[in-house]
Amino acid sequence: MAACLMPDHLHLLIGAENGNLVDLISRWKRFTQKIASNVNYKDKLWQRSFYDHALRRDEQINITARYIYENPVRAGLCAEDGGYPYRWHAWL
């Protein structure tokens, strides 16, 4: 529903279809690490663990998506109306 790749971290607003977020994130990390290896990137992309936060109510989804989308603005990486290509929000 939303994503933002920052210089030192990644924000994702996703739902795990089978409810197993750990497996989903593990598969994502392996997939992206393999892509990086294929282009001769030798360093690790991801830390061993991750931080998650479960949303309790549906109305929080849009608020959280907006927070993720605006993260580069708060970090000073772009202006409010764009300029940061590594973010996406399902409603924009």
Protein backbone atom coordinates (compact mmCIF):
# COMPACT_ATOMS: atom_id res chain seq x y z
CA MET A 1 0.00 0.00 0.00
CA ALA A 2 3.03 2.28 0.47
CA ALA A 3 6.79 2.09 0.20
CA CYS A 4 9.72 4.42 0.58
CA LEU A 5 13.36 3.52 0.08
CA MET A 6 15.48 5.89 2.13
CA PRO A 7 19.30 6.07 1.98
CA ASP A 8 19.65 3.92 5.10
CA HIS A 9 16.33 2.12 5.56
CA LEU A 10 13.12 0.99 3.89
CA HIS A 11 9.52 1.66 4.90
CA LEU A 12 6.82 -0.75 3.69
CA LEU A 13 3.11 -0.81 4.39
CA ILE A 14 2.10 -4.33 3.42
CA GLY A 15 -0.14 -7.15 4.47
CA ALA A 16 1.06 -10.73 4.65
CA GLU A 17 -1.49 -12.94 2.89
CA ASN A 18 -0.98 -15.90 5.18
CA GLY A 19 -0.24 -13.75 8.21
CA ASN A 20 3.44 -14.70 8.34
CA LEU A 21 5.30 -11.41 8.03
CA VAL A 22 8.65 -12.95 9.03
CA ASP A 23 8.61 -15.34 6.05
CA LEU A 24 7.54 -12.57 3.68
CA ILE A 25 10.35 -10.24 4.76
CA SER A 26 12.90 -13.09 4.66
CA ARG A 27 11.93 -13.93 1.08
CA TRP A 28 12.14 -10.23 0.12
CA LYS A 29 15.62 -9.92 1.62
CA ARG A 30 16.89 -13.04 -0.18
CA PHE A 31 15.36 -11.91 -3.48
CA THR A 32 16.88 -8.42 -3.36
CA GLN A 33 20.25 -9.70 -2.13
CA LYS A 34 20.37 -12.08 -5.10
CA ILE A 35 19.65 -9.21 -7.50
CA ALA A 36 22.42 -7.18 -5.88
CA SER A 37 24.84 -10.11 -6.20
CA ASN A 38 23.97 -10.46 -9.88
CA VAL A 39 25.20 -6.91 -10.48
CA ASN A 40 28.38 -7.59 -8.46
CA TYR A 41 27.30 -5.77 -5.30
CA LYS A 42 29.29 -7.55 -2.59
CA ASP A 43 28.08 -5.93 0.64
CA LYS A 44 25.04 -7.01 2.67
CA LEU A 45 21.89 -5.06 1.87
CA TRP A 46 19.91 -5.85 4.99
CA GLN A 47 20.42 -6.13 8.71
CA ARG A 48 19.53 -9.43 10.30
CA SER A 49 16.29 -8.33 11.95
CA PHE A 50 13.55 -5.82 11.17
CA TYR A 51 11.11 -3.66 13.07
CA ASP A 52 7.41 -4.09 12.53
CA HIS A 53 4.30 -2.34 13.71
CA ALA A 54 0.83 -3.84 13.39
CA LEU A 55 -2.04 -1.53 12.52
CA ARG A 56 -5.08 -2.20 14.64
CA ARG A 57 -7.76 -0.31 12.70
CA ASP A 58 -8.40 0.20 9.00
CA GLU A 59 -8.53 3.98 9.30
CA GLN A 60 -4.86 4.00 10.30
CA ILE A 61 -3.81 2.61 6.92
CA ASN A 62 -4.10 5.87 4.99
CA ILE A 63 -2.47 7.87 7.81
CA THR A 64 0.44 5.44 7.97
CA ALA A 65 0.79 5.40 4.17
CA ARG A 66 0.95 9.21 4.15
CA TYR A 67 3.61 9.14 6.90
CA ILE A 68 5.72 6.71 4.85
CA TYR A 69 5.28 8.75 1.66
CA GLU A 70 6.27 11.99 3.39
CA ASN A 71 9.35 10.51 5.09
CA PRO A 72 11.80 11.96 2.51
CA VAL A 73 10.27 15.42 3.00
CA ARG A 74 10.86 15.23 6.77
CA ALA A 75 14.43 14.04 6.10
CA GLY A 76 15.08 16.99 3.76
CA LEU A 77 15.55 14.79 0.67
CA CYS A 78 12.82 16.44 -1.42
CA ALA A 79 10.16 19.12 -1.50
CA GLU A 80 6.57 18.41 -0.49
CA ASP A 81 5.30 18.03 -4.07
CA GLY A 82 7.79 15.50 -5.34
CA GLY A 83 11.37 15.16 -6.35
CA TYR A 84 12.01 11.84 -4.59
CA PRO A 85 11.65 8.92 -7.00
CA TYR A 86 11.92 6.04 -4.49
CA ARG A 87 8.53 6.33 -2.84
CA TRP A 88 5.07 5.09 -3.70
CA HIS A 89 1.61 5.40 -2.16
CA ALA A 90 -1.41 3.49 -3.48
CA TRP A 91 -3.70 6.50 -3.17
CA LEU A 92 -1.52 9.05 -4.97
